[in-house]
Amino acid sequence: MGGIDQGEASVADLLRATASGATRIGSLSTALHDASA
């Protein structure tokens, strides 16, 4: 959830991931980084 992209911008991406890959399943209400889950 969230994070910082290669352009140094915060993102709102919500990914469902496994050891082999990830798929975007939604978005957070706001872009953010340095949260914890």
PDB file of all heavy atoms in Angstrom:
ATOM      1  N   MET A   1       0.818  -1.209   0.000  1.00  0.00           N
ATOM      2  CA  MET A   1       0.000   0.000   0.000  1.00  0.00           C
ATOM      3  C   MET A   1       0.852   1.260   0.000  1.00  0.00           C
ATOM      4  O   MET A   1       1.756   1.413   0.819  1.00  0.00           O
ATOM      5  CB  MET A   1      -0.922  -0.013   1.226  1.00  0.00           C
ATOM      6  CG  MET A   1      -1.924  -1.159   1.199  1.00  0.00           C
ATOM      7  SD  MET A   1      -2.831  -1.397   2.754  1.00  0.00           S
ATOM      8  CE  MET A   1      -1.658  -2.451   3.634  1.00  0.00           C
ATOM      9  N   GLY A   2       0.535   2.171  -0.919  1.00  0.00           N
ATOM     10  CA  GLY A   2       1.207   3.456  -0.969  1.00  0.00           C
ATOM     11  C   GLY A   2       2.673   3.323  -1.334  1.00  0.00           C
ATOM     12  O   GLY A   2       3.107   2.385  -1.993  1.00  0.00           O
ATOM     13  N   GLY A   3       3.477   4.310  -0.922  1.00  0.00           N
ATOM     14  CA  GLY A   3       4.904   4.317  -1.190  1.00  0.00           C
ATOM     15  C   GLY A   3       5.316   5.504  -2.052  1.00  0.00           C
ATOM     16  O   GLY A   3       4.536   6.436  -2.295  1.00  0.00           O
ATOM     17  N   ILE A   4       6.555   5.460  -2.512  1.00  0.00           N
ATOM     18  CA  ILE A   4       7.139   6.511  -3.339  1.00  0.00           C
ATOM     19  C   ILE A   4       7.594   5.898  -4.655  1.00  0.00           C
ATOM     20  O   ILE A   4       8.274   4.865  -4.657  1.00  0.00           O
ATOM     21  CB  ILE A   4       8.331   7.187  -2.635  1.00  0.00           C
ATOM     22  CG1 ILE A   4       7.871   7.862  -1.345  1.00  0.00           C
ATOM     23  CG2 ILE A   4       9.002   8.215  -3.544  1.00  0.00           C
ATOM     24  CD1 ILE A   4       9.018   8.444  -0.516  1.00  0.00           C
ATOM     25  N   ASP A   5       7.228   6.516  -5.781  1.00  0.00           N
ATOM     26  CA  ASP A   5       7.596   5.966  -7.077  1.00  0.00           C
ATOM     27  C   ASP A   5       8.959   6.471  -7.533  1.00  0.00           C
ATOM     28  O   ASP A   5       9.638   7.225  -6.816  1.00  0.00           O
ATOM     29  CB  ASP A   5       6.510   6.246  -8.120  1.00  0.00           C
ATOM     30  CG  ASP A   5       6.342   7.734  -8.453  1.00  0.00           C
ATOM     31  OD1 ASP A   5       7.247   8.541  -8.128  1.00  0.00           O
ATOM     32  OD2 ASP A   5       5.301   8.085  -9.041  1.00  0.00           O
ATOM     33  N   GLN A   6       9.392   6.072  -8.719  1.00  0.00           N
ATOM     34  CA  GLN A   6      10.723   6.431  -9.191  1.00  0.00           C
ATOM     35  C   GLN A   6      10.859   7.920  -9.499  1.00  0.00           C
ATOM     36  O   GLN A   6      11.971   8.432  -9.643  1.00  0.00           O
ATOM     37  CB  GLN A   6      11.074   5.614 -10.429  1.00  0.00           C
ATOM     38  CG  GLN A   6      10.131   5.754 -11.584  1.00  0.00           C
ATOM     39  CD  GLN A   6      10.450   4.773 -12.702  1.00  0.00           C
ATOM     40  OE1 GLN A   6      11.547   4.236 -12.792  1.00  0.00           O
ATOM     41  NE2 GLN A   6       9.480   4.513 -13.565  1.00  0.00           N
ATOM     42  N   GLY A   7       9.735   8.632  -9.564  1.00  0.00           N
ATOM     43  CA  GLY A   7       9.777  10.079  -9.743  1.00  0.00           C
ATOM     44  C   GLY A   7       9.745  10.835  -8.431  1.00  0.00           C
ATOM     45  O   GLY A   7       9.550  12.054  -8.424  1.00  0.00           O
ATOM     46  N   GLU A   8       9.898  10.104  -7.297  1.00  0.00           N
ATOM     47  CA  GLU A   8       9.905  10.669  -5.950  1.00  0.00           C
ATOM     48  C   GLU A   8       8.540  11.219  -5.548  1.00  0.00           C
ATOM     49  O   GLU A   8       8.444  12.079  -4.661  1.00  0.00           O
ATOM     50  CB  GLU A   8      10.964  11.777  -5.819  1.00  0.00           C
ATOM     51  CG  GLU A   8      12.392  11.317  -6.066  1.00  0.00           C
ATOM     52  CD  GLU A   8      12.891  10.383  -4.964  1.00  0.00           C
ATOM     53  OE1 GLU A   8      12.448  10.516  -3.808  1.00  0.00           O
ATOM     54  OE2 GLU A   8      13.726   9.515  -5.272  1.00  0.00           O
ATOM     55  N   ALA A   9       7.468  10.738  -6.149  1.00  0.00           N
ATOM     56  CA  ALA A   9       6.114  11.156  -5.794  1.00  0.00           C
ATOM     57  C   ALA A   9       5.425  10.059  -4.992  1.00  0.00           C
ATOM     58  O   ALA A   9       5.611   8.860  -5.255  1.00  0.00           O
ATOM     59  CB  ALA A   9       5.303  11.468  -7.042  1.00  0.00           C
ATOM     60  N   SER A  10       4.611  10.442  -4.018  1.00  0.00           N
ATOM     61  CA  SER A  10       3.823   9.471  -3.270  1.00  0.00           C
ATOM     62  C   SER A  10       2.742   8.881  -4.161  1.00  0.00           C
ATOM     63  O   SER A  10       2.235   9.555  -5.064  1.00  0.00           O
ATOM     64  CB  SER A  10       3.179  10.137  -2.058  1.00  0.00           C
ATOM     65  OG  SER A  10       4.152  10.594  -1.155  1.00  0.00           O
ATOM     66  N   VAL A  11       2.372   7.621  -3.900  1.00  0.00           N
ATOM     67  CA  VAL A  11       1.368   6.937  -4.706  1.00  0.00           C
ATOM     68  C   VAL A  11       0.245   6.421  -3.813  1.00  0.00           C
ATOM     69  O   VAL A  11       0.428   6.223  -2.605  1.00  0.00           O
ATOM     70  CB  VAL A  11       1.976   5.779  -5.515  1.00  0.00           C
ATOM     71  CG1 VAL A  11       3.039   6.293  -6.468  1.00  0.00           C
ATOM     72  CG2 VAL A  11       2.567   4.712  -4.591  1.00  0.00           C
ATOM     73  N   ALA A  12      -0.919   6.202  -4.420  1.00  0.00           N
ATOM     74  CA  ALA A  12      -2.078   5.680  -3.698  1.00  0.00           C
ATOM     75  C   ALA A  12      -2.360   4.227  -4.060  1.00  0.00           C
ATOM     76  O   ALA A  12      -3.400   3.687  -3.683  1.00  0.00           O
ATOM     77  CB  ALA A  12      -3.302   6.538  -4.008  1.00  0.00           C
ATOM     78  N   ASP A  13      -1.455   3.577  -4.761  1.00  0.00           N
ATOM     79  CA  ASP A  13      -1.686   2.224  -5.260  1.00  0.00           C
ATOM     80  C   ASP A  13      -1.905   1.220  -4.137  1.00  0.00           C
ATOM     81  O   ASP A  13      -1.223   1.236  -3.103  1.00  0.00           O
ATOM     82  CB  ASP A  13      -0.503   1.749  -6.099  1.00  0.00           C
ATOM     83  CG  ASP A  13      -0.365   2.528  -7.393  1.00  0.00           C
ATOM     84  OD1 ASP A  13      -1.365   3.131  -7.832  1.00  0.00           O
ATOM     85  OD2 ASP A  13       0.743   2.543  -7.955  1.00  0.00           O
ATOM     86  N   LEU A  14      -2.842   0.335  -4.358  1.00  0.00           N
ATOM     87  CA  LEU A  14      -3.114  -0.792  -3.479  1.00  0.00           C
ATOM     88  C   LEU A  14      -2.921  -2.057  -4.298  1.00  0.00           C
ATOM     89  O   LEU A  14      -3.680  -2.325  -5.232  1.00  0.00           O
ATOM     90  CB  LEU A  14      -4.539  -0.704  -2.933  1.00  0.00           C
ATOM     91  CG  LEU A  14      -5.045  -1.857  -2.076  1.00  0.00           C
ATOM     92  CD1 LEU A  14      -4.149  -2.076  -0.871  1.00  0.00           C
ATOM     93  CD2 LEU A  14      -6.477  -1.569  -1.632  1.00  0.00           C
ATOM     94  N   LEU A  15      -1.874  -2.826  -3.982  1.00  0.00           N
ATOM     95  CA  LEU A  15      -1.518  -4.019  -4.744  1.00  0.00           C
ATOM     96  C   LEU A  15      -1.763  -5.276  -3.927  1.00  0.00           C
ATOM     97  O   LEU A  15      -1.501  -5.306  -2.722  1.00  0.00           O
ATOM     98  CB  LEU A  15      -0.039  -3.981  -5.145  1.00  0.00           C
ATOM     99  CG  LEU A  15       0.484  -2.760  -5.893  1.00  0.00           C
ATOM    100  CD1 LEU A  15       1.972  -2.905  -6.157  1.00  0.00           C
ATOM    101  CD2 LEU A  15      -0.273  -2.553  -7.203  1.00  0.00           C
ATOM    102  N   ARG A  16      -2.251  -6.308  -4.611  1.00  0.00           N
ATOM    103  CA  ARG A  16      -2.265  -7.654  -4.026  1.00  0.00           C
ATOM    104  C   ARG A  16      -1.072  -8.381  -4.622  1.00  0.00           C
ATOM    105  O   ARG A  16      -0.957  -8.503  -5.849  1.00  0.00           O
ATOM    106  CB  ARG A  16      -3.557  -8.384  -4.347  1.00  0.00           C
ATOM    107  CG  ARG A  16      -3.633  -9.793  -3.743  1.00  0.00           C
ATOM    108  CD  ARG A  16      -4.925 -10.494  -4.142  1.00  0.00           C
ATOM    109  NE  ARG A  16      -4.962 -11.849  -3.626  1.00  0.00           N
ATOM    110  CZ  ARG A  16      -5.468 -12.208  -2.453  1.00  0.00           C
ATOM    111  NH1 ARG A  16      -5.995 -11.293  -1.671  1.00  0.00           N
ATOM    112  NH2 ARG A  16      -5.455 -13.474  -2.050  1.00  0.00           N
ATOM    113  N   ALA A  17      -0.180  -8.870  -3.767  1.00  0.00           N
ATOM    114  CA  ALA A  17       1.093  -9.409  -4.238  1.00  0.00           C
ATOM    115  C   ALA A  17       1.356 -10.793  -3.683  1.00  0.00           C
ATOM    116  O   ALA A  17       0.849 -11.182  -2.630  1.00  0.00           O
ATOM    117  CB  ALA A  17       2.231  -8.469  -3.853  1.00  0.00           C
ATOM    118  N   THR A  18       2.165 -11.541  -4.422  1.00  0.00           N
ATOM    119  CA  THR A  18       2.724 -12.814  -3.973  1.00  0.00           C
ATOM    120  C   THR A  18       4.229 -12.744  -4.226  1.00  0.00           C
ATOM    121  O   THR A  18       4.757 -11.722  -4.675  1.00  0.00           O
ATOM    122  CB  THR A  18       2.129 -13.999  -4.734  1.00  0.00           C
ATOM    123  OG1 THR A  18       2.539 -13.917  -6.110  1.00  0.00           O
ATOM    124  CG2 THR A  18       0.609 -14.000  -4.658  1.00  0.00           C
ATOM    125  N   ALA A  19       4.912 -13.850  -3.983  1.00  0.00           N
ATOM    126  CA  ALA A  19       6.352 -13.878  -4.232  1.00  0.00           C
ATOM    127  C   ALA A  19       6.682 -13.756  -5.707  1.00  0.00           C
ATOM    128  O   ALA A  19       7.813 -13.405  -6.073  1.00  0.00           O
ATOM    129  CB  ALA A  19       6.950 -15.171  -3.676  1.00  0.00           C
ATOM    130  N   SER A  20       5.724 -13.998  -6.579  1.00  0.00           N
ATOM    131  CA  SER A  20       6.010 -13.999  -8.013  1.00  0.00           C
ATOM    132  C   SER A  20       5.527 -12.756  -8.758  1.00  0.00           C
ATOM    133  O   SER A  20       5.872 -12.565  -9.932  1.00  0.00           O
ATOM    134  CB  SER A  20       5.398 -15.234  -8.673  1.00  0.00           C
ATOM    135  OG  SER A  20       3.999 -15.263  -8.487  1.00  0.00           O
ATOM    136  N   GLY A  21       4.732 -11.918  -8.141  1.00  0.00           N
ATOM    137  CA  GLY A  21       4.248 -10.737  -8.842  1.00  0.00           C
ATOM    138  C   GLY A  21       3.170 -10.030  -8.063  1.00  0.00           C
ATOM    139  O   GLY A  21       2.846 -10.399  -6.927  1.00  0.00           O
ATOM    140  N   ALA A  22       2.592  -8.986  -8.663  1.00  0.00           N
ATOM    141  CA  ALA A  22       1.584  -8.185  -7.982  1.00  0.00           C
ATOM    142  C   ALA A  22       0.597  -7.611  -8.993  1.00  0.00           C
ATOM    143  O   ALA A  22       0.939  -7.358 -10.147  1.00  0.00           O
ATOM    144  CB  ALA A  22       2.243  -7.055  -7.198  1.00  0.00           C
ATOM    145  N   THR A  23      -0.631  -7.380  -8.521  1.00  0.00           N
ATOM    146  CA  THR A  23      -1.697  -6.817  -9.336  1.00  0.00           C
ATOM    147  C   THR A  23      -2.358  -5.671  -8.575  1.00  0.00           C
ATOM    148  O   THR A  23      -2.630  -5.794  -7.372  1.00  0.00           O
ATOM    149  CB  THR A  23      -2.774  -7.866  -9.663  1.00  0.00           C
ATOM    150  OG1 THR A  23      -2.163  -8.976 -10.317  1.00  0.00           O
ATOM    151  CG2 THR A  23      -3.843  -7.286 -10.564  1.00  0.00           C
ATOM    152  N   ARG A  24      -2.605  -4.589  -9.263  1.00  0.00           N
ATOM    153  CA  ARG A  24      -3.278  -3.452  -8.639  1.00  0.00           C
ATOM    154  C   ARG A  24      -4.756  -3.782  -8.483  1.00  0.00           C
ATOM    155  O   ARG A  24      -5.426  -4.137  -9.450  1.00  0.00           O
ATOM    156  CB  ARG A  24      -3.106  -2.193  -9.494  1.00  0.00           C
ATOM    157  CG  ARG A  24      -3.606  -0.911  -8.849  1.00  0.00           C
ATOM    158  CD  ARG A  24      -3.282   0.280  -9.751  1.00  0.00           C
ATOM    159  NE  ARG A  24      -3.678   1.526  -9.137  1.00  0.00           N
ATOM    160  CZ  ARG A  24      -4.903   2.040  -9.206  1.00  0.00           C
ATOM    161  NH1 ARG A  24      -5.854   1.395  -9.867  1.00  0.00           N
ATOM    162  NH2 ARG A  24      -5.187   3.195  -8.640  1.00  0.00           N
ATOM    163  N   ILE A  25      -5.275  -3.674  -7.240  1.00  0.00           N
ATOM    164  CA  ILE A  25      -6.685  -3.993  -6.989  1.00  0.00           C
ATOM    165  C   ILE A  25      -7.484  -2.782  -6.534  1.00  0.00           C
ATOM    166  O   ILE A  25      -8.693  -2.893  -6.295  1.00  0.00           O
ATOM    167  CB  ILE A  25      -6.831  -5.131  -5.957  1.00  0.00           C
ATOM    168  CG1 ILE A  25      -6.231  -4.733  -4.610  1.00  0.00           C
ATOM    169  CG2 ILE A  25      -6.212  -6.415  -6.474  1.00  0.00           C
ATOM    170  CD1 ILE A  25      -6.560  -5.721  -3.488  1.00  0.00           C
ATOM    171  N   GLY A  26      -6.844  -1.650  -6.392  1.00  0.00           N
ATOM    172  CA  GLY A  26      -7.571  -0.473  -5.950  1.00  0.00           C
ATOM    173  C   GLY A  26      -6.645   0.664  -5.621  1.00  0.00           C
ATOM    174  O   GLY A  26      -5.437   0.622  -5.909  1.00  0.00           O
ATOM    175  N   SER A  27      -7.221   1.689  -4.984  1.00  0.00           N
ATOM    176  CA  SER A  27      -6.455   2.870  -4.603  1.00  0.00           C
ATOM    177  C   SER A  27      -6.833   3.289  -3.187  1.00  0.00           C
ATOM    178  O   SER A  27      -7.999   3.145  -2.774  1.00  0.00           O
ATOM    179  CB  SER A  27      -6.733   4.041  -5.550  1.00  0.00           C
ATOM    180  OG  SER A  27      -6.301   3.762  -6.852  1.00  0.00           O
ATOM    181  N   LEU A  28      -5.859   3.802  -2.465  1.00  0.00           N
ATOM    182  CA  LEU A  28      -6.142   4.448  -1.198  1.00  0.00           C
ATOM    183  C   LEU A  28      -6.830   5.785  -1.461  1.00  0.00           C
ATOM    184  O   LEU A  28      -6.774   6.316  -2.577  1.00  0.00           O
ATOM    185  CB  LEU A  28      -4.842   4.666  -0.421  1.00  0.00           C
ATOM    186  CG  LEU A  28      -4.030   3.400  -0.110  1.00  0.00           C
ATOM    187  CD1 LEU A  28      -2.661   3.765   0.452  1.00  0.00           C
ATOM    188  CD2 LEU A  28      -4.796   2.501   0.861  1.00  0.00           C
ATOM    189  N   SER A  29      -7.445   6.357  -0.444  1.00  0.00           N
ATOM    190  CA  SER A  29      -8.146   7.626  -0.629  1.00  0.00           C
ATOM    191  C   SER A  29      -7.191   8.779  -0.894  1.00  0.00           C
ATOM    192  O   SER A  29      -7.592   9.802  -1.461  1.00  0.00           O
ATOM    193  CB  SER A  29      -9.006   7.943   0.605  1.00  0.00           C
ATOM    194  OG  SER A  29      -8.187   8.045   1.768  1.00  0.00           O
ATOM    195  N   THR A  30      -5.939   8.600  -0.517  1.00  0.00           N
ATOM    196  CA  THR A  30      -4.936   9.621  -0.781  1.00  0.00           C
ATOM    197  C   THR A  30      -3.582   8.968  -0.981  1.00  0.00           C
ATOM    198  O   THR A  30      -3.309   7.894  -0.438  1.00  0.00           O
ATOM    199  CB  THR A  30      -4.860  10.638   0.380  1.00  0.00           C
ATOM    200  OG1 THR A  30      -3.969  11.696   0.042  1.00  0.00           O
ATOM    201  CG2 THR A  30      -4.371   9.971   1.657  1.00  0.00           C
ATOM    202  N   ALA A  31      -2.735   9.581  -1.771  1.00  0.00           N
ATOM    203  CA  ALA A  31      -1.368   9.084  -1.932  1.00  0.00           C
ATOM    204  C   ALA A  31      -0.610   9.308  -0.624  1.00  0.00           C
ATOM    205  O   ALA A  31      -0.769  10.342   0.038  1.00  0.00           O
ATOM    206  CB  ALA A  31      -0.686   9.811  -3.080  1.00  0.00           C
ATOM    207  N   LEU A  32       0.228   8.353  -0.253  1.00  0.00           N
ATOM    208  CA  LEU A  32       1.003   8.488   0.975  1.00  0.00           C
ATOM    209  C   LEU A  32       2.208   7.558   0.943  1.00  0.00           C
ATOM    210  O   LEU A  32       2.284   6.641   0.131  1.00  0.00           O
ATOM    211  CB  LEU A  32       0.144   8.206   2.215  1.00  0.00           C
ATOM    212  CG  LEU A  32      -0.612   6.877   2.324  1.00  0.00           C
ATOM    213  CD1 LEU A  32       0.289   5.718   2.715  1.00  0.00           C
ATOM    214  CD2 LEU A  32      -1.753   6.996   3.313  1.00  0.00           C
ATOM    215  N   HIS A  33       3.157   7.796   1.838  1.00  0.00           N
ATOM    216  CA  HIS A  33       4.319   6.923   2.001  1.00  0.00           C
ATOM    217  C   HIS A  33       4.683   6.878   3.475  1.00  0.00           C
ATOM    218  O   HIS A  33       4.161   7.643   4.288  1.00  0.00           O
ATOM    219  CB  HIS A  33       5.508   7.437   1.178  1.00  0.00           C
ATOM    220  CG  HIS A  33       6.001   8.780   1.619  1.00  0.00           C
ATOM    221  ND1 HIS A  33       5.503   9.950   1.086  1.00  0.00           N
ATOM    222  CD2 HIS A  33       6.917   9.154   2.540  1.00  0.00           C
ATOM    223  CE1 HIS A  33       6.101  10.986   1.655  1.00  0.00           C
ATOM    224  NE2 HIS A  33       6.966  10.525   2.554  1.00  0.00           N
ATOM    225  N   ASP A  34       5.601   5.969   3.814  1.00  0.00           N
ATOM    226  CA  ASP A  34       6.084   5.825   5.192  1.00  0.00           C
ATOM    227  C   ASP A  34       4.962   5.582   6.188  1.00  0.00           C
ATOM    228  O   ASP A  34       5.039   5.982   7.348  1.00  0.00           O
ATOM    229  CB  ASP A  34       6.920   7.037   5.606  1.00  0.00           C
ATOM    230  CG  ASP A  34       8.303   7.011   4.994  1.00  0.00           C
ATOM    231  OD1 ASP A  34       8.890   5.923   4.908  1.00  0.00           O
ATOM    232  OD2 ASP A  34       8.810   8.075   4.593  1.00  0.00           O
ATOM    233  N   ALA A  35       3.888   4.913   5.743  1.00  0.00           N
ATOM    234  CA  ALA A  35       2.893   4.361   6.650  1.00  0.00           C
ATOM    235  C   ALA A  35       3.386   2.989   7.103  1.00  0.00           C
ATOM    236  O   ALA A  35       4.440   2.514   6.677  1.00  0.00           O
ATOM    237  CB  ALA A  35       1.544   4.257   5.952  1.00  0.00           C
ATOM    238  N   SER A  36       2.614   2.330   7.957  1.00  0.00           N
ATOM    239  CA  SER A  36       2.916   0.959   8.345  1.00  0.00           C
ATOM    240  C   SER A  36       1.619   0.167   8.312  1.00  0.00           C
ATOM    241  O   SER A  36       0.529   0.745   8.392  1.00  0.00           O
ATOM    242  CB  SER A  36       3.532   0.917   9.743  1.00  0.00           C
ATOM    243  OG  SER A  36       3.993  -0.397  10.049  1.00  0.00           O
ATOM    244  N   ALA A  37       1.719  -1.143   8.173  1.00  0.00           N
ATOM    245  CA  ALA A  37       0.529  -1.983   8.087  1.00  0.00           C
ATOM    246  C   ALA A  37       0.732  -3.272   8.866  1.00  0.00           C
ATOM    247  O   ALA A  37       1.846  -3.784   8.960  1.00  0.00           O
ATOM    248  CB  ALA A  37       0.195  -2.300   6.632  1.00  0.00           C
TER     249      ALA A  37
END
